[in-house]
mmCIF file of all heavy atoms, coordinates in Angstrom:
data_MODEL
# 
_entry.id   MODEL 
# 
loop_
_atom_site.group_PDB 
_atom_site.id 
_atom_site.type_symbol 
_atom_site.label_atom_id 
_atom_site.label_alt_id 
_atom_site.label_comp_id 
_atom_site.label_asym_id 
_atom_site.label_entity_id 
_atom_site.label_seq_id 
_atom_site.pdbx_PDB_ins_code 
_atom_site.Cartn_x 
_atom_site.Cartn_y 
_atom_site.Cartn_z 
_atom_site.occupancy 
_atom_site.B_iso_or_equiv 
_atom_site.pdbx_formal_charge 
_atom_site.auth_seq_id 
_atom_site.auth_comp_id 
_atom_site.auth_asym_id 
_atom_site.auth_atom_id 
_atom_site.pdbx_PDB_model_num 
ATOM 1   N N   . GLY A 1 1  ? 95.825  136.231 89.703  1.00 0.00 ? 1  GLY A N   1 
ATOM 2   C CA  . GLY A 1 1  ? 94.754  135.512 90.357  1.00 0.00 ? 1  GLY A CA  1 
ATOM 3   C C   . GLY A 1 1  ? 95.167  134.608 91.508  1.00 0.00 ? 1  GLY A C   1 
ATOM 4   O O   . GLY A 1 1  ? 94.323  133.998 92.156  1.00 0.00 ? 1  GLY A O   1 
ATOM 5   N N   . VAL A 1 2  ? 96.468  134.543 91.801  1.00 0.00 ? 2  VAL A N   1 
ATOM 6   C CA  . VAL A 1 2  ? 96.924  133.653 92.900  1.00 0.00 ? 2  VAL A CA  1 
ATOM 7   C C   . VAL A 1 2  ? 96.833  134.400 94.208  1.00 0.00 ? 2  VAL A C   1 
ATOM 8   O O   . VAL A 1 2  ? 97.434  135.479 94.393  1.00 0.00 ? 2  VAL A O   1 
ATOM 9   C CB  . VAL A 1 2  ? 98.395  133.233 92.655  1.00 0.00 ? 2  VAL A CB  1 
ATOM 10  C CG1 . VAL A 1 2  ? 98.875  132.376 93.820  1.00 0.00 ? 2  VAL A CG1 1 
ATOM 11  C CG2 . VAL A 1 2  ? 98.518  132.487 91.338  1.00 0.00 ? 2  VAL A CG2 1 
ATOM 12  N N   . PRO A 1 3  ? 96.085  133.903 95.231  1.00 0.00 ? 3  PRO A N   1 
ATOM 13  C CA  . PRO A 1 3  ? 96.014  134.560 96.527  1.00 0.00 ? 3  PRO A CA  1 
ATOM 14  C C   . PRO A 1 3  ? 97.401  134.658 97.148  1.00 0.00 ? 3  PRO A C   1 
ATOM 15  O O   . PRO A 1 3  ? 98.208  133.718 97.049  1.00 0.00 ? 3  PRO A O   1 
ATOM 16  C CB  . PRO A 1 3  ? 95.104  133.670 97.341  1.00 0.00 ? 3  PRO A CB  1 
ATOM 17  C CG  . PRO A 1 3  ? 94.228  132.986 96.328  1.00 0.00 ? 3  PRO A CG  1 
ATOM 18  C CD  . PRO A 1 3  ? 95.142  132.739 95.132  1.00 0.00 ? 3  PRO A CD  1 
ATOM 19  N N   . VAL A 1 4  ? 97.674  135.805 97.776  1.00 0.00 ? 4  VAL A N   1 
ATOM 20  C CA  . VAL A 1 4  ? 99.007  136.022 98.355  1.00 0.00 ? 4  VAL A CA  1 
ATOM 21  C C   . VAL A 1 4  ? 98.836  136.370 99.849  1.00 0.00 ? 4  VAL A C   1 
ATOM 22  O O   . VAL A 1 4  ? 97.814  136.886 100.274 1.00 0.00 ? 4  VAL A O   1 
ATOM 23  C CB  . VAL A 1 4  ? 99.736  137.186 97.654  1.00 0.00 ? 4  VAL A CB  1 
ATOM 24  C CG1 . VAL A 1 4  ? 99.914  136.820 96.159  1.00 0.00 ? 4  VAL A CG1 1 
ATOM 25  C CG2 . VAL A 1 4  ? 98.985  138.492 97.771  1.00 0.00 ? 4  VAL A CG2 1 
ATOM 26  N N   . LEU A 1 5  ? 99.896  136.042 100.601 1.00 0.00 ? 5  LEU A N   1 
ATOM 27  C CA  . LEU A 1 5  ? 100.009 136.424 101.993 1.00 0.00 ? 5  LEU A CA  1 
ATOM 28  C C   . LEU A 1 5  ? 101.342 137.147 102.181 1.00 0.00 ? 5  LEU A C   1 
ATOM 29  O O   . LEU A 1 5  ? 102.384 136.561 101.954 1.00 0.00 ? 5  LEU A O   1 
ATOM 30  C CB  . LEU A 1 5  ? 99.921  135.180 102.883 1.00 0.00 ? 5  LEU A CB  1 
ATOM 31  C CG  . LEU A 1 5  ? 100.097 135.413 104.402 1.00 0.00 ? 5  LEU A CG  1 
ATOM 32  C CD1 . LEU A 1 5  ? 98.994  136.308 104.917 1.00 0.00 ? 5  LEU A CD1 1 
ATOM 33  C CD2 . LEU A 1 5  ? 100.111 134.092 105.157 1.00 0.00 ? 5  LEU A CD2 1 
ATOM 34  N N   . TYR A 1 6  ? 101.233 138.402 102.583 1.00 0.00 ? 6  TYR A N   1 
ATOM 35  C CA  . TYR A 1 6  ? 102.456 139.215 102.748 1.00 0.00 ? 6  TYR A CA  1 
ATOM 36  C C   . TYR A 1 6  ? 102.454 139.728 104.187 1.00 0.00 ? 6  TYR A C   1 
ATOM 37  O O   . TYR A 1 6  ? 101.737 140.683 104.535 1.00 0.00 ? 6  TYR A O   1 
ATOM 38  C CB  . TYR A 1 6  ? 102.423 140.365 101.747 1.00 0.00 ? 6  TYR A CB  1 
ATOM 39  C CG  . TYR A 1 6  ? 103.721 141.152 101.623 1.00 0.00 ? 6  TYR A CG  1 
ATOM 40  C CD1 . TYR A 1 6  ? 104.858 140.814 102.344 1.00 0.00 ? 6  TYR A CD1 1 
ATOM 41  C CD2 . TYR A 1 6  ? 103.797 142.235 100.781 1.00 0.00 ? 6  TYR A CD2 1 
ATOM 42  C CE1 . TYR A 1 6  ? 106.036 141.540 102.217 1.00 0.00 ? 6  TYR A CE1 1 
ATOM 43  C CE2 . TYR A 1 6  ? 104.985 142.976 100.624 1.00 0.00 ? 6  TYR A CE2 1 
ATOM 44  C CZ  . TYR A 1 6  ? 106.085 142.606 101.357 1.00 0.00 ? 6  TYR A CZ  1 
ATOM 45  O OH  . TYR A 1 6  ? 107.250 143.327 101.221 1.00 0.00 ? 6  TYR A OH  1 
ATOM 46  N N   . ALA A 1 7  ? 103.236 139.076 105.022 1.00 0.00 ? 7  ALA A N   1 
ATOM 47  C CA  . ALA A 1 7  ? 103.252 139.397 106.441 1.00 0.00 ? 7  ALA A CA  1 
ATOM 48  C C   . ALA A 1 7  ? 104.497 140.213 106.784 1.00 0.00 ? 7  ALA A C   1 
ATOM 49  O O   . ALA A 1 7  ? 105.555 140.073 106.175 1.00 0.00 ? 7  ALA A O   1 
ATOM 50  C CB  . ALA A 1 7  ? 103.201 138.137 107.264 1.00 0.00 ? 7  ALA A CB  1 
ATOM 51  N N   . ARG A 1 8  ? 104.377 141.079 107.786 1.00 0.00 ? 8  ARG A N   1 
ATOM 52  C CA  . ARG A 1 8  ? 105.492 141.846 108.304 1.00 0.00 ? 8  ARG A CA  1 
ATOM 53  C C   . ARG A 1 8  ? 105.565 141.639 109.818 1.00 0.00 ? 8  ARG A C   1 
ATOM 54  O O   . ARG A 1 8  ? 104.531 141.628 110.505 1.00 0.00 ? 8  ARG A O   1 
ATOM 55  C CB  . ARG A 1 8  ? 105.308 143.343 108.026 1.00 0.00 ? 8  ARG A CB  1 
ATOM 56  C CG  . ARG A 1 8  ? 106.484 144.190 108.507 1.00 0.00 ? 8  ARG A CG  1 
ATOM 57  C CD  . ARG A 1 8  ? 106.174 145.681 108.426 1.00 0.00 ? 8  ARG A CD  1 
ATOM 58  N NE  . ARG A 1 8  ? 105.113 146.050 109.354 1.00 0.00 ? 8  ARG A NE  1 
ATOM 59  C CZ  . ARG A 1 8  ? 104.576 147.265 109.392 1.00 0.00 ? 8  ARG A CZ  1 
ATOM 60  N NH1 . ARG A 1 8  ? 104.954 148.193 108.557 1.00 0.00 ? 8  ARG A NH1 1 
ATOM 61  N NH2 . ARG A 1 8  ? 103.635 147.539 110.274 1.00 0.00 ? 8  ARG A NH2 1 
ATOM 62  N N   . SER A 1 9  ? 106.760 141.520 110.328 1.00 0.00 ? 9  SER A N   1 
ATOM 63  C CA  . SER A 1 9  ? 106.917 141.325 111.781 1.00 0.00 ? 9  SER A CA  1 
ATOM 64  C C   . SER A 1 9  ? 106.133 142.412 112.535 1.00 0.00 ? 9  SER A C   1 
ATOM 65  O O   . SER A 1 9  ? 106.181 143.599 112.191 1.00 0.00 ? 9  SER A O   1 
ATOM 66  C CB  . SER A 1 9  ? 108.407 141.399 112.148 1.00 0.00 ? 9  SER A CB  1 
ATOM 67  O OG  . SER A 1 9  ? 109.124 140.341 111.548 1.00 0.00 ? 9  SER A OG  1 
ATOM 68  N N   . GLY A 1 10 ? 105.443 141.982 113.564 1.00 0.00 ? 10 GLY A N   1 
ATOM 69  C CA  . GLY A 1 10 ? 104.616 142.910 114.334 1.00 0.00 ? 10 GLY A CA  1 
ATOM 70  C C   . GLY A 1 10 ? 105.414 143.900 115.154 1.00 0.00 ? 10 GLY A C   1 
ATOM 71  O O   . GLY A 1 10 ? 106.592 143.695 115.478 1.00 0.00 ? 10 GLY A O   1 
ATOM 72  N N   . LEU A 1 11 ? 104.749 144.986 115.534 1.00 0.00 ? 11 LEU A N   1 
ATOM 73  C CA  . LEU A 1 11 ? 105.412 146.067 116.270 1.00 0.00 ? 11 LEU A CA  1 
ATOM 74  C C   . LEU A 1 11 ? 105.100 146.061 117.748 1.00 0.00 ? 11 LEU A C   1 
ATOM 75  O O   . LEU A 1 11 ? 105.729 146.831 118.504 1.00 0.00 ? 11 LEU A O   1 
ATOM 76  C CB  . LEU A 1 11 ? 105.015 147.408 115.653 1.00 0.00 ? 11 LEU A CB  1 
ATOM 77  C CG  . LEU A 1 11 ? 105.298 147.590 114.165 1.00 0.00 ? 11 LEU A CG  1 
ATOM 78  C CD1 . LEU A 1 11 ? 104.900 148.999 113.724 1.00 0.00 ? 11 LEU A CD1 1 
ATOM 79  C CD2 . LEU A 1 11 ? 106.752 147.325 113.837 1.00 0.00 ? 11 LEU A CD2 1 
ATOM 80  N N   . ASP A 1 12 ? 104.152 145.250 118.173 1.00 0.00 ? 12 ASP A N   1 
ATOM 81  C CA  . ASP A 1 12 ? 103.796 145.195 119.595 1.00 0.00 ? 12 ASP A CA  1 
ATOM 82  C C   . ASP A 1 12 ? 104.745 144.210 120.289 1.00 0.00 ? 12 ASP A C   1 
ATOM 83  O O   . ASP A 1 12 ? 104.439 143.031 120.494 1.00 0.00 ? 12 ASP A O   1 
ATOM 84  C CB  . ASP A 1 12 ? 102.345 144.761 119.746 1.00 0.00 ? 12 ASP A CB  1 
ATOM 85  C CG  . ASP A 1 12 ? 101.873 144.797 121.220 1.00 0.00 ? 12 ASP A CG  1 
ATOM 86  O OD1 . ASP A 1 12 ? 102.605 145.322 122.059 1.00 0.00 ? 12 ASP A OD1 1 
ATOM 87  O OD2 . ASP A 1 12 ? 100.764 144.264 121.466 1.00 0.00 ? 12 ASP A OD2 1 
ATOM 88  N N   . LEU A 1 13 ? 105.918 144.717 120.629 1.00 0.00 ? 13 LEU A N   1 
ATOM 89  C CA  . LEU A 1 13 ? 106.985 143.847 121.179 1.00 0.00 ? 13 LEU A CA  1 
ATOM 90  C C   . LEU A 1 13 ? 106.636 143.380 122.617 1.00 0.00 ? 13 LEU A C   1 
ATOM 91  O O   . LEU A 1 13 ? 106.041 144.133 123.394 1.00 0.00 ? 13 LEU A O   1 
ATOM 92  C CB  . LEU A 1 13 ? 108.310 144.583 121.176 1.00 0.00 ? 13 LEU A CB  1 
ATOM 93  C CG  . LEU A 1 13 ? 108.825 145.065 119.806 1.00 0.00 ? 13 LEU A CG  1 
ATOM 94  C CD1 . LEU A 1 13 ? 110.212 145.661 119.974 1.00 0.00 ? 13 LEU A CD1 1 
ATOM 95  C CD2 . LEU A 1 13 ? 108.866 143.909 118.819 1.00 0.00 ? 13 LEU A CD2 1 
ATOM 96  N N   . ARG A 1 14 ? 107.046 142.173 122.891 1.00 0.00 ? 14 ARG A N   1 
ATOM 97  C CA  . ARG A 1 14 ? 106.822 141.673 124.264 1.00 0.00 ? 14 ARG A CA  1 
ATOM 98  C C   . ARG A 1 14 ? 107.653 142.460 125.272 1.00 0.00 ? 14 ARG A C   1 
ATOM 99  O O   . ARG A 1 14 ? 107.297 142.525 126.443 1.00 0.00 ? 14 ARG A O   1 
ATOM 100 C CB  . ARG A 1 14 ? 107.197 140.180 124.316 1.00 0.00 ? 14 ARG A CB  1 
ATOM 101 C CG  . ARG A 1 14 ? 106.241 139.311 123.537 1.00 0.00 ? 14 ARG A CG  1 
ATOM 102 C CD  . ARG A 1 14 ? 106.637 137.838 123.591 1.00 0.00 ? 14 ARG A CD  1 
ATOM 103 N NE  . ARG A 1 14 ? 105.717 137.061 122.747 1.00 0.00 ? 14 ARG A NE  1 
ATOM 104 C CZ  . ARG A 1 14 ? 105.980 135.838 122.337 1.00 0.00 ? 14 ARG A CZ  1 
ATOM 105 N NH1 . ARG A 1 14 ? 107.128 135.287 122.632 1.00 0.00 ? 14 ARG A NH1 1 
ATOM 106 N NH2 . ARG A 1 14 ? 105.114 135.207 121.572 1.00 0.00 ? 14 ARG A NH2 1 
ATOM 107 N N   . ASP A 1 15 ? 108.725 143.004 124.795 1.00 0.00 ? 15 ASP A N   1 
ATOM 108 C CA  . ASP A 1 15 ? 109.562 143.844 125.670 1.00 0.00 ? 15 ASP A CA  1 
ATOM 109 C C   . ASP A 1 15 ? 109.460 145.300 125.210 1.00 0.00 ? 15 ASP A C   1 
ATOM 110 O O   . ASP A 1 15 ? 110.173 145.736 124.325 1.00 0.00 ? 15 ASP A O   1 
ATOM 111 C CB  . ASP A 1 15 ? 111.033 143.372 125.572 1.00 0.00 ? 15 ASP A CB  1 
ATOM 112 C CG  . ASP A 1 15 ? 111.939 144.166 126.527 1.00 0.00 ? 15 ASP A CG  1 
ATOM 113 O OD1 . ASP A 1 15 ? 111.415 144.907 127.378 1.00 0.00 ? 15 ASP A OD1 1 
ATOM 114 O OD2 . ASP A 1 15 ? 113.165 144.058 126.382 1.00 0.00 ? 15 ASP A OD2 1 
ATOM 115 N N   . GLY A 1 16 ? 108.514 146.021 125.780 1.00 0.00 ? 16 GLY A N   1 
ATOM 116 C CA  . GLY A 1 16 ? 108.401 147.451 125.466 1.00 0.00 ? 16 GLY A CA  1 
ATOM 117 C C   . GLY A 1 16 ? 107.150 147.834 124.731 1.00 0.00 ? 16 GLY A C   1 
ATOM 118 O O   . GLY A 1 16 ? 106.851 149.028 124.582 1.00 0.00 ? 16 GLY A O   1 
ATOM 119 N N   . GLY A 1 17 ? 106.380 146.857 124.233 1.00 0.00 ? 17 GLY A N   1 
ATOM 120 C CA  . GLY A 1 17 ? 105.091 147.153 123.592 1.00 0.00 ? 17 GLY A CA  1 
ATOM 121 C C   . GLY A 1 17 ? 105.241 147.862 122.255 1.00 0.00 ? 17 GLY A C   1 
ATOM 122 O O   . GLY A 1 17 ? 106.280 147.859 121.602 1.00 0.00 ? 17 GLY A O   1 
ATOM 123 N N   . ASP A 1 18 ? 104.142 148.544 121.874 1.00 0.00 ? 18 ASP A N   1 
ATOM 124 C CA  . ASP A 1 18 ? 104.060 149.167 120.538 1.00 0.00 ? 18 ASP A CA  1 
ATOM 125 C C   . ASP A 1 18 ? 105.032 150.318 120.397 1.00 0.00 ? 18 ASP A C   1 
ATOM 126 O O   . ASP A 1 18 ? 105.602 150.515 119.342 1.00 0.00 ? 18 ASP A O   1 
ATOM 127 C CB  . ASP A 1 18 ? 102.631 149.624 120.304 1.00 0.00 ? 18 ASP A CB  1 
ATOM 128 C CG  . ASP A 1 18 ? 102.382 150.095 118.885 1.00 0.00 ? 18 ASP A CG  1 
ATOM 129 O OD1 . ASP A 1 18 ? 102.361 149.246 117.982 1.00 0.00 ? 18 ASP A OD1 1 
ATOM 130 O OD2 . ASP A 1 18 ? 102.271 151.330 118.684 1.00 0.00 ? 18 ASP A OD2 1 
ATOM 131 N N   . ALA A 1 19 ? 105.230 151.093 121.457 1.00 0.00 ? 19 ALA A N   1 
ATOM 132 C CA  . ALA A 1 19 ? 106.128 152.245 121.379 1.00 0.00 ? 19 ALA A CA  1 
ATOM 133 C C   . ALA A 1 19 ? 107.543 151.809 121.062 1.00 0.00 ? 19 ALA A C   1 
ATOM 134 O O   . ALA A 1 19 ? 108.220 152.381 120.197 1.00 0.00 ? 19 ALA A O   1 
ATOM 135 C CB  . ALA A 1 19 ? 106.070 153.057 122.664 1.00 0.00 ? 19 ALA A CB  1 
ATOM 136 N N   . ALA A 1 20 ? 107.994 150.760 121.745 1.00 0.00 ? 20 ALA A N   1 
ATOM 137 C CA  . ALA A 1 20 ? 109.348 150.241 121.487 1.00 0.00 ? 20 ALA A CA  1 
ATOM 138 C C   . ALA A 1 20 ? 109.445 149.657 120.079 1.00 0.00 ? 20 ALA A C   1 
ATOM 139 O O   . ALA A 1 20 ? 110.446 149.834 119.390 1.00 0.00 ? 20 ALA A O   1 
ATOM 140 C CB  . ALA A 1 20 ? 109.712 149.187 122.550 1.00 0.00 ? 20 ALA A CB  1 
ATOM 141 N N   . GLY A 1 21 ? 108.365 148.954 119.659 1.00 0.00 ? 21 GLY A N   1 
ATOM 142 C CA  . GLY A 1 21 ? 108.397 148.359 118.323 1.00 0.00 ? 21 GLY A CA  1 
ATOM 143 C C   . GLY A 1 21 ? 108.483 149.401 117.226 1.00 0.00 ? 21 GLY A C   1 
ATOM 144 O O   . GLY A 1 21 ? 109.225 149.234 116.246 1.00 0.00 ? 21 GLY A O   1 
ATOM 145 N N   . ARG A 1 22 ? 107.721 150.477 117.368 1.00 0.00 ? 22 ARG A N   1 
ATOM 146 C CA  . ARG A 1 22 ? 107.754 151.529 116.309 1.00 0.00 ? 22 ARG A CA  1 
ATOM 147 C C   . ARG A 1 22 ? 109.099 152.240 116.309 1.00 0.00 ? 22 ARG A C   1 
ATOM 148 O O   . ARG A 1 22 ? 109.613 152.604 115.261 1.00 0.00 ? 22 ARG A O   1 
ATOM 149 C CB  . ARG A 1 22 ? 106.611 152.506 116.535 1.00 0.00 ? 22 ARG A CB  1 
ATOM 150 C CG  . ARG A 1 22 ? 105.259 151.879 116.277 1.00 0.00 ? 22 ARG A CG  1 
ATOM 151 C CD  . ARG A 1 22 ? 104.115 152.847 116.233 1.00 0.00 ? 22 ARG A CD  1 
ATOM 152 N NE  . ARG A 1 22 ? 102.886 152.129 115.964 1.00 0.00 ? 22 ARG A NE  1 
ATOM 153 C CZ  . ARG A 1 22 ? 102.453 151.775 114.755 1.00 0.00 ? 22 ARG A CZ  1 
ATOM 154 N NH1 . ARG A 1 22 ? 103.183 152.089 113.694 1.00 0.00 ? 22 ARG A NH1 1 
ATOM 155 N NH2 . ARG A 1 22 ? 101.331 151.106 114.603 1.00 0.00 ? 22 ARG A NH2 1 
ATOM 156 N N   . LYS A 1 23 ? 109.691 152.412 117.499 1.00 0.00 ? 23 LYS A N   1 
ATOM 157 C CA  . LYS A 1 23 ? 111.010 153.020 117.559 1.00 0.00 ? 23 LYS A CA  1 
ATOM 158 C C   . LYS A 1 23 ? 112.051 152.126 116.864 1.00 0.00 ? 23 LYS A C   1 
ATOM 159 O O   . LYS A 1 23 ? 112.891 152.590 116.074 1.00 0.00 ? 23 LYS A O   1 
ATOM 160 C CB  . LYS A 1 23 ? 111.431 153.257 119.018 1.00 0.00 ? 23 LYS A CB  1 
ATOM 161 C CG  . LYS A 1 23 ? 112.868 153.735 119.214 1.00 0.00 ? 23 LYS A CG  1 
ATOM 162 C CD  . LYS A 1 23 ? 113.112 155.094 118.567 1.00 0.00 ? 23 LYS A CD  1 
ATOM 163 C CE  . LYS A 1 23 ? 114.429 155.687 118.992 1.00 0.00 ? 23 LYS A CE  1 
ATOM 164 N NZ  . LYS A 1 23 ? 115.598 154.871 118.629 1.00 0.00 ? 23 LYS A NZ  1 
ATOM 165 N N   . ARG A 1 24 ? 111.990 150.832 117.144 1.00 0.00 ? 24 ARG A N   1 
ATOM 166 C CA  . ARG A 1 24 ? 112.952 149.917 116.529 1.00 0.00 ? 24 ARG A CA  1 
ATOM 167 C C   . ARG A 1 24 ? 112.735 149.818 115.034 1.00 0.00 ? 24 ARG A C   1 
ATOM 168 O O   . ARG A 1 24 ? 113.690 149.705 114.268 1.00 0.00 ? 24 ARG A O   1 
ATOM 169 C CB  . ARG A 1 24 ? 112.835 148.538 117.182 1.00 0.00 ? 24 ARG A CB  1 
ATOM 170 C CG  . ARG A 1 24 ? 113.352 148.520 118.607 1.00 0.00 ? 24 ARG A CG  1 
ATOM 171 C CD  . ARG A 1 24 ? 113.374 147.107 119.161 1.00 0.00 ? 24 ARG A CD  1 
ATOM 172 N NE  . ARG A 1 24 ? 113.768 147.109 120.576 1.00 0.00 ? 24 ARG A NE  1 
ATOM 173 C CZ  . ARG A 1 24 ? 113.909 146.028 121.314 1.00 0.00 ? 24 ARG A CZ  1 
ATOM 174 N NH1 . ARG A 1 24 ? 113.660 144.833 120.764 1.00 0.00 ? 24 ARG A NH1 1 
ATOM 175 N NH2 . ARG A 1 24 ? 114.261 146.103 122.567 1.00 0.00 ? 24 ARG A NH2 1 
ATOM 176 N N   . TYR A 1 25 ? 111.462 149.857 114.616 1.00 0.00 ? 25 TYR A N   1 
ATOM 177 C CA  . TYR A 1 25 ? 111.190 149.772 113.172 1.00 0.00 ? 25 TYR A CA  1 
ATOM 178 C C   . TYR A 1 25 ? 111.674 151.037 112.456 1.00 0.00 ? 25 TYR A C   1 
ATOM 179 O O   . TYR A 1 25 ? 112.216 150.957 111.356 1.00 0.00 ? 25 TYR A O   1 
ATOM 180 C CB  . TYR A 1 25 ? 109.700 149.572 112.936 1.00 0.00 ? 25 TYR A CB  1 
ATOM 181 C CG  . TYR A 1 25 ? 109.358 149.262 111.487 1.00 0.00 ? 25 TYR A CG  1 
ATOM 182 C CD1 . TYR A 1 25 ? 109.833 148.117 110.897 1.00 0.00 ? 25 TYR A CD1 1 
ATOM 183 C CD2 . TYR A 1 25 ? 108.577 150.113 110.740 1.00 0.00 ? 25 TYR A CD2 1 
ATOM 184 C CE1 . TYR A 1 25 ? 109.543 147.787 109.553 1.00 0.00 ? 25 TYR A CE1 1 
ATOM 185 C CE2 . TYR A 1 25 ? 108.260 149.837 109.408 1.00 0.00 ? 25 TYR A CE2 1 
ATOM 186 C CZ  . TYR A 1 25 ? 108.758 148.678 108.842 1.00 0.00 ? 25 TYR A CZ  1 
ATOM 187 O OH  . TYR A 1 25 ? 108.470 148.385 107.547 1.00 0.00 ? 25 TYR A OH  1 
ATOM 188 N N   . ASP A 1 26 ? 111.523 152.194 113.102 1.00 0.00 ? 26 ASP A N   1 
ATOM 189 C CA  . ASP A 1 26 ? 112.044 153.446 112.525 1.00 0.00 ? 26 ASP A CA  1 
ATOM 190 C C   . ASP A 1 26 ? 113.572 153.361 112.382 1.00 0.00 ? 26 ASP A C   1 
ATOM 191 O O   . ASP A 1 26 ? 114.149 153.795 111.378 1.00 0.00 ? 26 ASP A O   1 
ATOM 192 C CB  . ASP A 1 26 ? 111.642 154.634 113.361 1.00 0.00 ? 26 ASP A CB  1 
ATOM 193 C CG  . ASP A 1 26 ? 110.181 154.979 113.250 1.00 0.00 ? 26 ASP A CG  1 
ATOM 194 O OD1 . ASP A 1 26 ? 109.532 154.500 112.295 1.00 0.00 ? 26 ASP A OD1 1 
ATOM 195 O OD2 . ASP A 1 26 ? 109.662 155.710 114.108 1.00 0.00 ? 26 ASP A OD2 1 
ATOM 196 N N   . ASP A 1 27 ? 114.217 152.818 113.415 1.00 0.00 ? 27 ASP A N   1 
ATOM 197 C CA  . ASP A 1 27 ? 115.683 152.658 113.334 1.00 0.00 ? 27 ASP A CA  1 
ATOM 198 C C   . ASP A 1 27 ? 116.080 151.691 112.232 1.00 0.00 ? 27 ASP A C   1 
ATOM 199 O O   . ASP A 1 27 ? 117.088 151.854 111.550 1.00 0.00 ? 27 ASP A O   1 
ATOM 200 C CB  . ASP A 1 27 ? 116.235 152.164 114.695 1.00 0.00 ? 27 ASP A CB  1 
ATOM 201 C CG  . ASP A 1 27 ? 116.211 153.249 115.762 1.00 0.00 ? 27 ASP A CG  1 
ATOM 202 O OD1 . ASP A 1 27 ? 116.024 154.448 115.388 1.00 0.00 ? 27 ASP A OD1 1 
ATOM 203 O OD2 . ASP A 1 27 ? 116.378 152.934 116.945 1.00 0.00 ? 27 ASP A OD2 1 
ATOM 204 N N   . TYR A 1 28 ? 115.278 150.622 112.069 1.00 0.00 ? 28 TYR A N   1 
ATOM 205 C CA  . TYR A 1 28 ? 115.549 149.640 111.025 1.00 0.00 ? 28 TYR A CA  1 
ATOM 206 C C   . TYR A 1 28 ? 115.465 150.305 109.669 1.00 0.00 ? 28 TYR A C   1 
ATOM 207 O O   . TYR A 1 28 ? 116.316 150.112 108.796 1.00 0.00 ? 28 TYR A O   1 
ATOM 208 C CB  . TYR A 1 28 ? 114.517 148.520 111.190 1.00 0.00 ? 28 TYR A CB  1 
ATOM 209 C CG  . TYR A 1 28 ? 114.317 147.636 109.976 1.00 0.00 ? 28 TYR A CG  1 
ATOM 210 C CD1 . TYR A 1 28 ? 115.230 146.607 109.691 1.00 0.00 ? 28 TYR A CD1 1 
ATOM 211 C CD2 . TYR A 1 28 ? 113.194 147.759 109.178 1.00 0.00 ? 28 TYR A CD2 1 
ATOM 212 C CE1 . TYR A 1 28 ? 115.027 145.774 108.600 1.00 0.00 ? 28 TYR A CE1 1 
ATOM 213 C CE2 . TYR A 1 28 ? 112.999 146.938 108.080 1.00 0.00 ? 28 TYR A CE2 1 
ATOM 214 C CZ  . TYR A 1 28 ? 113.911 145.934 107.823 1.00 0.00 ? 28 TYR A CZ  1 
ATOM 215 O OH  . TYR A 1 28 ? 113.709 145.104 106.731 1.00 0.00 ? 28 TYR A OH  1 
ATOM 216 N N   . LEU A 1 29 ? 114.428 151.136 109.435 1.00 0.00 ? 29 LEU A N   1 
ATOM 217 C CA  . LEU A 1 29 ? 114.306 151.824 108.149 1.00 0.00 ? 29 LEU A CA  1 
ATOM 218 C C   . LEU A 1 29 ? 115.412 152.828 107.964 1.00 0.00 ? 29 LEU A C   1 
ATOM 219 O O   . LEU A 1 29 ? 115.887 153.038 106.852 1.00 0.00 ? 29 LEU A O   1 
ATOM 220 C CB  . LEU A 1 29 ? 112.919 152.520 108.067 1.00 0.00 ? 29 LEU A CB  1 
ATOM 221 C CG  . LEU A 1 29 ? 111.709 151.587 108.038 1.00 0.00 ? 29 LEU A CG  1 
ATOM 222 C CD1 . LEU A 1 29 ? 110.439 152.415 108.018 1.00 0.00 ? 29 LEU A CD1 1 
ATOM 223 C CD2 . LEU A 1 29 ? 111.745 150.642 106.862 1.00 0.00 ? 29 LEU A CD2 1 
# 
């Protein structure tokens, strides 16, 4: 019953946008 907040770093990077973020996240995984 305790409300939770589970955040993940966003993928829309200031340097390169969403495409760069998804590429970096794939490399991270």
